[in-house]
Amino acid sequence: MIKYLVLILVLLTAATVGAVPPAPWEGDEIIGQTAPNFTLKTLDGKDFSFSTLRGKAVLINFWATWCQPCVDELPSMNKLYLKYKQQGFEVVAVGLDNSPAKVKKFVANNPLNFTVLSDPDKRVAKKLYKVMAQPTSYLISREGKIVKKYFGGMNWSDNEIQKEINDQLK
């Protein structure tokens, strides 16, 4: 009887090990690589190609309306964008809600000054940027290289983050 219980426990453990999603740091291998290009829809239904931002420092943020840390960081992200946009800095927020209408409604009620896109099938987030949880953000250099990954809700007015942004604007 005990050997059957042990066998069941081993089988259950083996079955769940493969079902556990990758840890947030498992996408770190893309740091230092060229940021993958993609095209997604803006909230008004137009195509937006990430390649149009080449030559600018970019913060790309993957978020969702139901994610409280995501929502909490958006005001400081908006201030960051307004502070540095004249120096060639862009912010692109990629909403991961299943419904683009939810992202559009959220932004209508919480205006943002930067580009907001929708990735309802999470193709760009998961396949290209290895995003496993929200919020996840990447800082991309003017040369198009991914220089830093930020995992979790951030205070974008933090001095260290501001220094990292400034380093990319030189």
C-alpha atoms as a PDB file:
ATOM      1  CA  MET A   1       0.000   0.000   0.000  1.00  0.00           C
ATOM      2  CA  ILE A   2       2.778   2.435   0.900  1.00  0.00           C
ATOM      3  CA  LYS A   3       4.630   1.767  -2.348  1.00  0.00           C
ATOM      4  CA  TYR A   4       1.437   2.629  -4.280  1.00  0.00           C
ATOM      5  CA  LEU A   5       1.102   5.898  -2.362  1.00  0.00           C
ATOM      6  CA  VAL A   6       4.735   6.707  -3.063  1.00  0.00           C
ATOM      7  CA  LEU A   7       4.231   5.891  -6.754  1.00  0.00           C
ATOM      8  CA  ILE A   8       1.149   8.140  -6.928  1.00  0.00           C
ATOM      9  CA  LEU A   9       3.049  10.931  -5.171  1.00  0.00           C
ATOM     10  CA  VAL A  10       5.967  10.603  -7.608  1.00  0.00           C
ATOM     11  CA  LEU A  11       3.625  10.658 -10.611  1.00  0.00           C
ATOM     12  CA  LEU A  12       1.737  13.674  -9.309  1.00  0.00           C
ATOM     13  CA  THR A  13       4.967  15.531  -8.632  1.00  0.00           C
ATOM     14  CA  ALA A  14       6.306  14.705 -12.106  1.00  0.00           C
ATOM     15  CA  ALA A  15       3.058  15.837 -13.725  1.00  0.00           C
ATOM     16  CA  THR A  16       2.991  19.180 -11.914  1.00  0.00           C
ATOM     17  CA  VAL A  17       6.670  20.010 -12.455  1.00  0.00           C
ATOM     18  CA  GLY A  18       6.053  20.450 -16.182  1.00  0.00           C
ATOM     19  CA  ALA A  19       2.909  22.491 -15.471  1.00  0.00           C
ATOM     20  CA  VAL A  20       4.654  25.127 -13.378  1.00  0.00           C
ATOM     21  CA  PRO A  21       5.140  28.309 -15.398  1.00  0.00           C
ATOM     22  CA  PRO A  22       8.675  29.568 -15.839  1.00  0.00           C
ATOM     23  CA  ALA A  23      10.011  31.955 -13.214  1.00  0.00           C
ATOM     24  CA  PRO A  24      10.109  35.686 -14.091  1.00  0.00           C
ATOM     25  CA  TRP A  25      13.893  35.675 -14.448  1.00  0.00           C
ATOM     26  CA  GLU A  26      13.844  32.944 -17.096  1.00  0.00           C
ATOM     27  CA  GLY A  27      13.296  35.610 -19.778  1.00  0.00           C
ATOM     28  CA  ASP A  28      16.475  37.436 -18.808  1.00  0.00           C
ATOM     29  CA  GLU A  29      18.370  35.842 -21.711  1.00  0.00           C
ATOM     30  CA  ILE A  30      17.022  38.532 -24.055  1.00  0.00           C
ATOM     31  CA  ILE A  31      18.867  41.291 -22.164  1.00  0.00           C
ATOM     32  CA  GLY A  32      21.647  42.546 -24.416  1.00  0.00           C
ATOM     33  CA  GLN A  33      19.849  41.409 -27.560  1.00  0.00           C
ATOM     34  CA  THR A  34      18.145  43.574 -30.145  1.00  0.00           C
ATOM     35  CA  ALA A  35      14.576  44.299 -29.081  1.00  0.00           C
ATOM     36  CA  PRO A  36      12.245  42.208 -31.231  1.00  0.00           C
ATOM     37  CA  ASN A  37      10.169  44.181 -33.686  1.00  0.00           C
ATOM     38  CA  PHE A  38       6.406  43.714 -33.709  1.00  0.00           C
ATOM     39  CA  THR A  39       3.225  45.292 -34.967  1.00  0.00           C
ATOM     40  CA  LEU A  40       0.163  45.632 -32.730  1.00  0.00           C
ATOM     41  CA  LYS A  41      -3.024  47.655 -32.829  1.00  0.00           C
ATOM     42  CA  THR A  42      -3.356  50.998 -31.094  1.00  0.00           C
ATOM     43  CA  LEU A  43      -6.513  51.634 -29.092  1.00  0.00           C
ATOM     44  CA  ASP A  44      -8.071  53.318 -32.121  1.00  0.00           C
ATOM     45  CA  GLY A  45      -7.396  50.247 -34.293  1.00  0.00           C
ATOM     46  CA  LYS A  46      -4.365  51.459 -36.253  1.00  0.00           C
ATOM     47  CA  ASP A  47      -1.261  49.353 -36.786  1.00  0.00           C
ATOM     48  CA  PHE A  48       1.760  50.423 -34.750  1.00  0.00           C
ATOM     49  CA  SER A  49       5.173  49.042 -35.627  1.00  0.00           C
ATOM     50  CA  PHE A  50       7.770  49.053 -32.862  1.00  0.00           C
ATOM     51  CA  SER A  51      10.494  49.655 -35.465  1.00  0.00           C
ATOM     52  CA  THR A  52       9.267  53.263 -35.863  1.00  0.00           C
ATOM     53  CA  LEU A  53      10.928  54.024 -32.513  1.00  0.00           C
ATOM     54  CA  ARG A  54      14.467  53.140 -33.613  1.00  0.00           C
ATOM     55  CA  GLY A  55      16.876  55.860 -32.541  1.00  0.00           C
ATOM     56  CA  LYS A  56      14.915  56.588 -29.357  1.00  0.00           C
ATOM     57  CA  ALA A  57      15.306  55.177 -25.866  1.00  0.00           C
ATOM     58  CA  VAL A  58      12.153  53.199 -25.107  1.00  0.00           C
ATOM     59  CA  LEU A  59      10.482  51.763 -22.054  1.00  0.00           C
ATOM     60  CA  ILE A  60       8.135  48.974 -23.088  1.00  0.00           C
ATOM     61  CA  ASN A  61       5.706  47.935 -20.370  1.00  0.00           C
ATOM     62  CA  PHE A  62       3.533  44.810 -20.372  1.00  0.00           C
ATOM     63  CA  TRP A  63       0.505  45.281 -18.120  1.00  0.00           C
ATOM     64  CA  ALA A  64      -3.169  44.446 -17.607  1.00  0.00           C
ATOM     65  CA  THR A  65      -6.139  46.400 -16.269  1.00  0.00           C
ATOM     66  CA  TRP A  66      -6.876  43.704 -13.662  1.00  0.00           C
ATOM     67  CA  CYS A  67      -3.296  43.812 -12.313  1.00  0.00           C
ATOM     68  CA  GLN A  68      -3.181  46.227  -9.368  1.00  0.00           C
ATOM     69  CA  PRO A  69       0.630  46.716  -9.377  1.00  0.00           C
ATOM     70  CA  CYS A  70       0.338  47.510 -13.102  1.00  0.00           C
ATOM     71  CA  VAL A  71      -2.345  50.118 -12.507  1.00  0.00           C
ATOM     72  CA  ASP A  72      -0.461  51.569  -9.522  1.00  0.00           C
ATOM     73  CA  GLU A  73       2.715  52.223 -11.520  1.00  0.00           C
ATOM     74  CA  LEU A  74       1.064  53.932 -14.512  1.00  0.00           C
ATOM     75  CA  PRO A  75       0.895  57.466 -12.998  1.00  0.00           C
ATOM     76  CA  SER A  76       4.634  57.534 -12.238  1.00  0.00           C
ATOM     77  CA  MET A  77       5.340  56.025 -15.671  1.00  0.00           C
ATOM     78  CA  ASN A  78       3.322  58.818 -17.269  1.00  0.00           C
ATOM     79  CA  LYS A  79       5.332  61.426 -15.321  1.00  0.00           C
ATOM     80  CA  LEU A  80       8.553  59.723 -16.441  1.00  0.00           C
ATOM     81  CA  TYR A  81       7.448  59.944 -20.064  1.00  0.00           C
ATOM     82  CA  LEU A  82       6.487  63.609 -19.770  1.00  0.00           C
ATOM     83  CA  LYS A  83       9.815  64.413 -18.116  1.00  0.00           C
ATOM     84  CA  TYR A  84      11.993  62.798 -20.810  1.00  0.00           C
ATOM     85  CA  LYS A  85       9.960  62.788 -24.041  1.00  0.00           C
ATOM     86  CA  GLN A  86      11.669  65.929 -25.393  1.00  0.00           C
ATOM     87  CA  GLN A  87      15.010  64.111 -25.087  1.00  0.00           C
ATOM     88  CA  GLY A  88      14.009  61.231 -27.358  1.00  0.00           C
ATOM     89  CA  PHE A  89      12.363  58.948 -24.813  1.00  0.00           C
ATOM     90  CA  GLU A  90       9.237  56.920 -25.551  1.00  0.00           C
ATOM     91  CA  VAL A  91       6.998  54.716 -23.442  1.00  0.00           C
ATOM     92  CA  VAL A  92       4.925  51.961 -25.003  1.00  0.00           C
ATOM     93  CA  ALA A  93       2.419  50.179 -22.770  1.00  0.00           C
ATOM     94  CA  VAL A  94       1.188  46.851 -24.094  1.00  0.00           C
ATOM     95  CA  GLY A  95      -2.139  45.843 -22.560  1.00  0.00           C
ATOM     96  CA  LEU A  96      -2.511  42.099 -22.102  1.00  0.00           C
ATOM     97  CA  ASP A  97      -6.226  41.950 -21.334  1.00  0.00           C
ATOM     98  CA  ASN A  98      -8.131  39.406 -23.434  1.00  0.00           C
ATOM     99  CA  SER A  99     -10.364  42.224 -24.640  1.00  0.00           C
ATOM    100  CA  PRO A 100      -8.856  45.332 -26.264  1.00  0.00           C
ATOM    101  CA  ALA A 101     -12.105  47.115 -25.288  1.00  0.00           C
ATOM    102  CA  LYS A 102     -11.162  46.747 -21.597  1.00  0.00           C
ATOM    103  CA  VAL A 103      -7.805  48.435 -22.226  1.00  0.00           C
ATOM    104  CA  LYS A 104      -9.495  51.190 -24.239  1.00  0.00           C
ATOM    105  CA  LYS A 105     -12.082  51.794 -21.495  1.00  0.00           C
ATOM    106  CA  PHE A 106      -9.383  51.877 -18.806  1.00  0.00           C
ATOM    107  CA  VAL A 107      -7.306  54.444 -20.709  1.00  0.00           C
ATOM    108  CA  ALA A 108     -10.405  56.544 -21.397  1.00  0.00           C
ATOM    109  CA  ASN A 109     -10.954  56.739 -17.625  1.00  0.00           C
ATOM    110  CA  ASN A 110      -7.227  57.073 -16.795  1.00  0.00           C
ATOM    111  CA  PRO A 111      -5.629  59.153 -19.568  1.00  0.00           C
ATOM    112  CA  LEU A 112      -2.039  58.359 -20.462  1.00  0.00           C
ATOM    113  CA  ASN A 113       0.205  60.494 -22.665  1.00  0.00           C
ATOM    114  CA  PHE A 114       2.213  57.657 -24.173  1.00  0.00           C
ATOM    115  CA  THR A 115       1.401  54.971 -26.738  1.00  0.00           C
ATOM    116  CA  VAL A 116      -0.890  52.183 -25.529  1.00  0.00           C
ATOM    117  CA  LEU A 117      -1.256  49.012 -27.577  1.00  0.00           C
ATOM    118  CA  SER A 118      -3.228  45.808 -27.166  1.00  0.00           C
ATOM    119  CA  ASP A 119      -1.833  42.255 -27.276  1.00  0.00           C
ATOM    120  CA  PRO A 120      -4.912  40.161 -26.428  1.00  0.00           C
ATOM    121  CA  ASP A 121      -3.400  36.844 -27.520  1.00  0.00           C
ATOM    122  CA  LYS A 122      -0.142  37.718 -25.695  1.00  0.00           C
ATOM    123  CA  ARG A 123       1.856  36.749 -28.775  1.00  0.00           C
ATOM    124  CA  VAL A 124       4.310  39.627 -28.449  1.00  0.00           C
ATOM    125  CA  ALA A 125       4.531  39.442 -24.655  1.00  0.00           C
ATOM    126  CA  LYS A 126       5.156  35.723 -24.312  1.00  0.00           C
ATOM    127  CA  LYS A 127       6.860  34.719 -27.528  1.00  0.00           C
ATOM    128  CA  LEU A 128       9.014  37.741 -28.280  1.00  0.00           C
ATOM    129  CA  TYR A 129       9.641  39.300 -24.856  1.00  0.00           C
ATOM    130  CA  LYS A 130       9.346  36.195 -22.637  1.00  0.00           C
ATOM    131  CA  VAL A 131       6.898  37.931 -20.259  1.00  0.00           C
ATOM    132  CA  MET A 132       5.655  35.494 -17.622  1.00  0.00           C
ATOM    133  CA  ALA A 133       3.905  37.921 -15.246  1.00  0.00           C
ATOM    134  CA  GLN A 134       2.710  41.502 -15.162  1.00  0.00           C
ATOM    135  CA  PRO A 135       3.963  44.102 -14.891  1.00  0.00           C
ATOM    136  CA  THR A 136       7.192  43.508 -16.744  1.00  0.00           C
ATOM    137  CA  SER A 137       9.059  46.341 -18.439  1.00  0.00           C
ATOM    138  CA  TYR A 138      12.152  46.570 -20.604  1.00  0.00           C
ATOM    139  CA  LEU A 139      14.421  49.547 -21.135  1.00  0.00           C
ATOM    140  CA  ILE A 140      15.692  49.679 -24.692  1.00  0.00           C
ATOM    141  CA  SER A 141      18.651  51.771 -25.850  1.00  0.00           C
ATOM    142  CA  ARG A 142      18.664  54.175 -28.799  1.00  0.00           C
ATOM    143  CA  GLU A 143      20.526  51.442 -30.670  1.00  0.00           C
ATOM    144  CA  GLY A 144      17.595  49.065 -30.125  1.00  0.00           C
ATOM    145  CA  LYS A 145      19.252  46.807 -27.530  1.00  0.00           C
ATOM    146  CA  ILE A 146      17.448  45.584 -24.429  1.00  0.00           C
ATOM    147  CA  VAL A 147      19.518  46.957 -21.545  1.00  0.00           C
ATOM    148  CA  LYS A 148      17.369  46.289 -18.470  1.00  0.00           C
ATOM    149  CA  LYS A 149      14.364  44.291 -17.324  1.00  0.00           C
ATOM    150  CA  TYR A 150      12.090  45.567 -14.560  1.00  0.00           C
ATOM    151  CA  PHE A 151       9.849  42.979 -12.953  1.00  0.00           C
ATOM    152  CA  GLY A 152       6.926  43.999 -10.774  1.00  0.00           C
ATOM    153  CA  GLY A 153       5.404  47.378 -10.066  1.00  0.00           C
ATOM    154  CA  MET A 154       7.992  50.160 -10.078  1.00  0.00           C
ATOM    155  CA  ASN A 155       8.137  53.700  -8.799  1.00  0.00           C
ATOM    156  CA  TRP A 156       9.405  55.288 -12.004  1.00  0.00           C
ATOM    157  CA  SER A 157      10.481  58.442 -10.149  1.00  0.00           C
ATOM    158  CA  ASP A 158      13.116  56.431  -8.256  1.00  0.00           C
ATOM    159  CA  ASN A 159      16.579  58.037  -8.556  1.00  0.00           C
ATOM    160  CA  GLU A 160      18.266  54.826  -9.736  1.00  0.00           C
ATOM    161  CA  ILE A 161      15.690  54.307 -12.473  1.00  0.00           C
ATOM    162  CA  GLN A 162      15.996  57.956 -13.519  1.00  0.00           C
ATOM    163  CA  LYS A 163      19.768  57.467 -13.826  1.00  0.00           C
ATOM    164  CA  GLU A 164      19.248  54.366 -15.973  1.00  0.00           C
ATOM    165  CA  ILE A 165      16.904  56.315 -18.257  1.00  0.00           C
ATOM    166  CA  ASN A 166      19.345  59.248 -18.463  1.00  0.00           C
ATOM    167  CA  ASP A 167      22.180  56.872 -19.377  1.00  0.00           C
ATOM    168  CA  GLN A 168      20.176  55.781 -22.439  1.00  0.00           C
ATOM    169  CA  LEU A 169      19.482  59.363 -23.501  1.00  0.00           C
ATOM    170  CA  LYS A 170      23.144  60.372 -23.777  1.00  0.00           C
END
